[in-house]
Amino acid sequence: MKSNLVLNKAKITYLMEWRMNHRQIETDILHLERIIGRISPEDRIPLSYWRNRINSVASSALVPAQQSRMQRIHERLTQLEASN
């Protein structure tokens, strides 16, 4: 009985951590979506910073819809980098 309790507690902990991580990823993607349309190569914050942020979020465990959104963000930044 005690081993089942430990196992259930481990499952709950895993699910809570996944849910918090998922929320953070979603928050990060929303932020990048808002920012990517407003930045330019002449901004104070260099495009390399945004490339690192995009790569960091993209390396997370994303669901297909998030992957598509990150692809659009990546493509927009690539356009900005090419115009620089």
N, C-alpha and C. Protein backbone atom coordinates (compact mmCIF):
# COMPACT_ATOMS: atom_id res chain seq x y z
N MET A 1 0.82 -1.19 0.00
CA MET A 1 0.00 0.00 0.00
C MET A 1 0.87 1.25 0.00
N LYS A 2 1.92 1.24 0.81
CA LYS A 2 2.79 2.41 0.91
C LYS A 2 3.50 2.69 -0.43
N SER A 3 3.90 1.63 -1.16
CA SER A 3 4.57 1.84 -2.44
C SER A 3 3.62 2.48 -3.46
N ASN A 4 2.33 2.14 -3.41
CA ASN A 4 1.35 2.78 -4.29
C ASN A 4 1.20 4.25 -3.97
N LEU A 5 1.26 4.59 -2.70
CA LEU A 5 1.16 5.98 -2.28
C LEU A 5 2.36 6.77 -2.79
N VAL A 6 3.54 6.19 -2.70
CA VAL A 6 4.75 6.85 -3.20
C VAL A 6 4.67 7.01 -4.71
N LEU A 7 4.22 5.99 -5.40
CA LEU A 7 4.08 6.04 -6.85
C LEU A 7 3.06 7.10 -7.26
N ASN A 8 1.92 7.15 -6.58
CA ASN A 8 0.91 8.15 -6.90
C ASN A 8 1.44 9.56 -6.64
N LYS A 9 2.19 9.73 -5.57
CA LYS A 9 2.77 11.03 -5.25
C LYS A 9 3.77 11.44 -6.34
N ALA A 10 4.54 10.47 -6.84
CA ALA A 10 5.49 10.75 -7.91
C ALA A 10 4.76 11.15 -9.18
N LYS A 11 3.65 10.48 -9.49
CA LYS A 11 2.87 10.84 -10.66
C LYS A 11 2.31 12.24 -10.55
N ILE A 12 1.77 12.57 -9.40
CA ILE A 12 1.21 13.90 -9.17
C ILE A 12 2.29 14.96 -9.31
N THR A 13 3.45 14.71 -8.74
CA THR A 13 4.56 15.66 -8.83
C THR A 13 4.96 15.85 -10.28
N TYR A 14 5.08 14.77 -11.03
CA TYR A 14 5.44 14.85 -12.45
C TYR A 14 4.41 15.67 -13.23
N LEU A 15 3.13 15.40 -13.01
CA LEU A 15 2.07 16.11 -13.73
C LEU A 15 2.05 17.59 -13.38
N MET A 16 2.30 17.91 -12.12
CA MET A 16 2.34 19.33 -11.71
C MET A 16 3.52 20.04 -12.37
N GLU A 17 4.67 19.38 -12.40
CA GLU A 17 5.84 19.99 -13.03
C GLU A 17 5.61 20.16 -14.53
N TRP A 18 5.01 19.16 -15.19
CA TRP A 18 4.72 19.27 -16.61
C TRP A 18 3.76 20.41 -16.87
N ARG A 19 2.74 20.52 -16.04
CA ARG A 19 1.74 21.58 -16.23
C ARG A 19 2.36 22.95 -16.05
N MET A 20 3.22 23.13 -15.04
CA MET A 20 3.88 24.41 -14.84
C MET A 20 4.81 24.71 -16.01
N ASN A 21 5.53 23.71 -16.49
CA ASN A 21 6.42 23.89 -17.63
C ASN A 21 5.61 24.25 -18.87
N HIS A 22 4.51 23.60 -19.08
CA HIS A 22 3.65 23.87 -20.22
C HIS A 22 3.15 25.32 -20.18
N ARG A 23 2.76 25.77 -19.00
CA ARG A 23 2.30 27.16 -18.86
C ARG A 23 3.42 28.14 -19.17
N GLN A 24 4.62 27.84 -18.72
CA GLN A 24 5.75 28.73 -18.99
C GLN A 24 6.06 28.77 -20.48
N ILE A 25 6.03 27.62 -21.12
CA ILE A 25 6.27 27.57 -22.57
C ILE A 25 5.22 28.40 -23.30
N GLU A 26 3.97 28.24 -22.92
CA GLU A 26 2.89 29.00 -23.57
C GLU A 26 3.09 30.50 -23.35
N THR A 27 3.46 30.89 -22.16
CA THR A 27 3.73 32.30 -21.86
C THR A 27 4.89 32.81 -22.72
N ASP A 28 5.94 32.02 -22.83
CA ASP A 28 7.10 32.41 -23.65
C ASP A 28 6.72 32.57 -25.11
N ILE A 29 5.93 31.65 -25.64
CA ILE A 29 5.52 31.72 -27.05
C ILE A 29 4.66 32.96 -27.28
N LEU A 30 3.72 33.21 -26.38
CA LEU A 30 2.88 34.41 -26.52
C LEU A 30 3.72 35.68 -26.52
N HIS A 31 4.70 35.74 -25.65
CA HIS A 31 5.59 36.90 -25.59
C HIS A 31 6.35 37.05 -26.91
N LEU A 32 6.91 35.96 -27.40
CA LEU A 32 7.66 36.03 -28.66
C LEU A 32 6.75 36.43 -29.82
N GLU A 33 5.52 35.94 -29.83
CA GLU A 33 4.59 36.32 -30.89
C GLU A 33 4.30 37.82 -30.85
N ARG A 34 4.16 38.37 -29.66
CA ARG A 34 3.90 39.80 -29.54
C ARG A 34 5.10 40.62 -29.97
N ILE A 35 6.28 40.19 -29.55
CA ILE A 35 7.51 40.95 -29.78
C ILE A 35 7.96 40.87 -31.23
N ILE A 36 7.84 39.72 -31.86
CA ILE A 36 8.45 39.49 -33.17
C ILE A 36 7.92 40.47 -34.23
N GLY A 37 6.70 40.91 -34.08
CA GLY A 37 6.16 41.87 -35.03
C GLY A 37 6.59 43.30 -34.77
N ARG A 38 7.21 43.53 -33.64
CA ARG A 38 7.57 44.90 -33.24
C ARG A 38 9.07 45.19 -33.31
N ILE A 39 9.88 44.16 -33.41
CA ILE A 39 11.32 44.39 -33.37
C ILE A 39 11.86 44.69 -34.76
N SER A 40 13.03 45.28 -34.76
CA SER A 40 13.72 45.55 -36.02
C SER A 40 15.21 45.36 -35.78
N PRO A 41 15.98 45.24 -36.85
CA PRO A 41 17.43 45.06 -36.68
C PRO A 41 18.10 46.25 -35.97
N GLU A 42 17.45 47.40 -35.94
CA GLU A 42 18.03 48.58 -35.32
C GLU A 42 17.69 48.73 -33.84
N ASP A 43 16.91 47.81 -33.28
CA ASP A 43 16.52 47.91 -31.87
C ASP A 43 17.72 47.79 -30.94
N ARG A 44 17.50 48.27 -29.71
CA ARG A 44 18.54 48.17 -28.67
C ARG A 44 18.93 46.72 -28.40
N ILE A 45 17.93 45.87 -28.34
CA ILE A 45 18.18 44.46 -28.07
C ILE A 45 18.54 43.80 -29.39
N PRO A 46 19.73 43.20 -29.49
CA PRO A 46 20.15 42.62 -30.77
C PRO A 46 19.30 41.41 -31.17
N LEU A 47 19.23 41.18 -32.46
CA LEU A 47 18.48 40.03 -32.98
C LEU A 47 19.03 38.72 -32.45
N SER A 48 20.32 38.69 -32.15
CA SER A 48 20.93 37.46 -31.60
C SER A 48 20.29 37.08 -30.26
N TYR A 49 19.89 38.06 -29.48
CA TYR A 49 19.19 37.77 -28.22
C TYR A 49 17.89 37.03 -28.52
N TRP A 50 17.13 37.55 -29.48
CA TRP A 50 15.85 36.92 -29.82
C TRP A 50 16.05 35.55 -30.44
N ARG A 51 17.12 35.38 -31.22
CA ARG A 51 17.41 34.07 -31.79
C ARG A 51 17.66 33.06 -30.66
N ASN A 52 18.41 33.47 -29.65
CA ASN A 52 18.68 32.58 -28.51
C ASN A 52 17.40 32.24 -27.76
N ARG A 53 16.53 33.23 -27.56
CA ARG A 53 15.25 32.99 -26.88
C ARG A 53 14.39 32.02 -27.69
N ILE A 54 14.32 32.23 -28.97
CA ILE A 54 13.53 31.35 -29.83
C ILE A 54 14.08 29.93 -29.80
N ASN A 55 15.38 29.80 -29.91
CA ASN A 55 15.99 28.46 -29.87
C ASN A 55 15.74 27.78 -28.53
N SER A 56 15.79 28.55 -27.46
CA SER A 56 15.56 27.99 -26.14
C SER A 56 14.13 27.44 -26.01
N VAL A 57 13.16 28.23 -26.42
CA VAL A 57 11.77 27.79 -26.34
C VAL A 57 11.53 26.63 -27.30
N ALA A 58 12.07 26.72 -28.50
CA ALA A 58 11.86 25.67 -29.51
C ALA A 58 12.45 24.34 -29.08
N SER A 59 13.45 24.36 -28.21
CA SER A 59 14.07 23.11 -27.76
C SER A 59 13.26 22.42 -26.67
N SER A 60 12.19 23.05 -26.22
CA SER A 60 11.33 22.45 -25.20
C SER A 60 10.42 21.41 -25.84
N ALA A 61 9.75 20.65 -25.00
CA ALA A 61 8.78 19.67 -25.49
C ALA A 61 7.52 20.41 -25.89
N LEU A 62 7.32 20.58 -27.20
CA LEU A 62 6.19 21.35 -27.71
C LEU A 62 5.15 20.43 -28.34
N VAL A 63 3.90 20.81 -28.20
CA VAL A 63 2.84 20.11 -28.91
C VAL A 63 2.83 20.63 -30.34
N PRO A 64 2.20 19.93 -31.29
CA PRO A 64 2.24 20.35 -32.70
C PRO A 64 1.81 21.80 -32.94
N ALA A 65 0.78 22.26 -32.28
CA ALA A 65 0.33 23.65 -32.48
C ALA A 65 1.41 24.64 -32.05
N GLN A 66 2.10 24.34 -30.96
CA GLN A 66 3.18 25.21 -30.51
C GLN A 66 4.36 25.15 -31.47
N GLN A 67 4.63 23.98 -32.03
CA GLN A 67 5.70 23.86 -33.02
C GLN A 67 5.42 24.74 -34.23
N SER A 68 4.17 24.76 -34.67
CA SER A 68 3.79 25.59 -35.82
C SER A 68 3.97 27.07 -35.50
N ARG A 69 3.56 27.46 -34.32
CA ARG A 69 3.72 28.86 -33.91
C ARG A 69 5.18 29.24 -33.83
N MET A 70 6.00 28.35 -33.29
CA MET A 70 7.43 28.64 -33.18
C MET A 70 8.07 28.69 -34.57
N GLN A 71 7.59 27.90 -35.50
CA GLN A 71 8.10 27.94 -36.87
C GLN A 71 7.83 29.30 -37.50
N ARG A 72 6.63 29.83 -37.30
CA ARG A 72 6.30 31.17 -37.82
C ARG A 72 7.19 32.24 -37.19
N ILE A 73 7.42 32.14 -35.90
CA ILE A 73 8.29 33.09 -35.21
C ILE A 73 9.71 33.00 -35.77
N HIS A 74 10.18 31.78 -35.93
CA HIS A 74 11.52 31.54 -36.48
C HIS A 74 11.65 32.16 -37.88
N GLU A 75 10.64 31.93 -38.71
CA GLU A 75 10.67 32.47 -40.09
C GLU A 75 10.69 33.99 -40.09
N ARG A 76 9.91 34.61 -39.21
CA ARG A 76 9.89 36.08 -39.15
C ARG A 76 11.26 36.61 -38.71
N LEU A 77 11.87 35.98 -37.72
CA LEU A 77 13.19 36.44 -37.28
C LEU A 77 14.23 36.23 -38.39
N THR A 78 14.12 35.14 -39.12
CA THR A 78 15.03 34.90 -40.23
C THR A 78 14.91 36.02 -41.26
N GLN A 79 13.69 36.48 -41.53
CA GLN A 79 13.49 37.61 -42.45
C GLN A 79 14.17 38.87 -41.91
N LEU A 80 14.01 39.11 -40.62
CA LEU A 80 14.65 40.29 -40.03
C LEU A 80 16.18 40.19 -40.12
N GLU A 81 16.70 39.01 -39.85
CA GLU A 81 18.16 38.83 -39.92
C GLU A 81 18.66 39.04 -41.34
N ALA A 82 17.90 38.60 -42.33
CA ALA A 82 18.31 38.75 -43.73
C ALA A 82 18.28 40.21 -44.17
N SER A 83 17.41 41.00 -43.57
CA SER A 83 17.32 42.41 -43.94
C SER A 83 18.35 43.26 -43.24
N ASN A 84 19.07 42.68 -42.33
CA ASN A 84 20.08 43.41 -41.55
C ASN A 84 21.36 43.56 -42.31
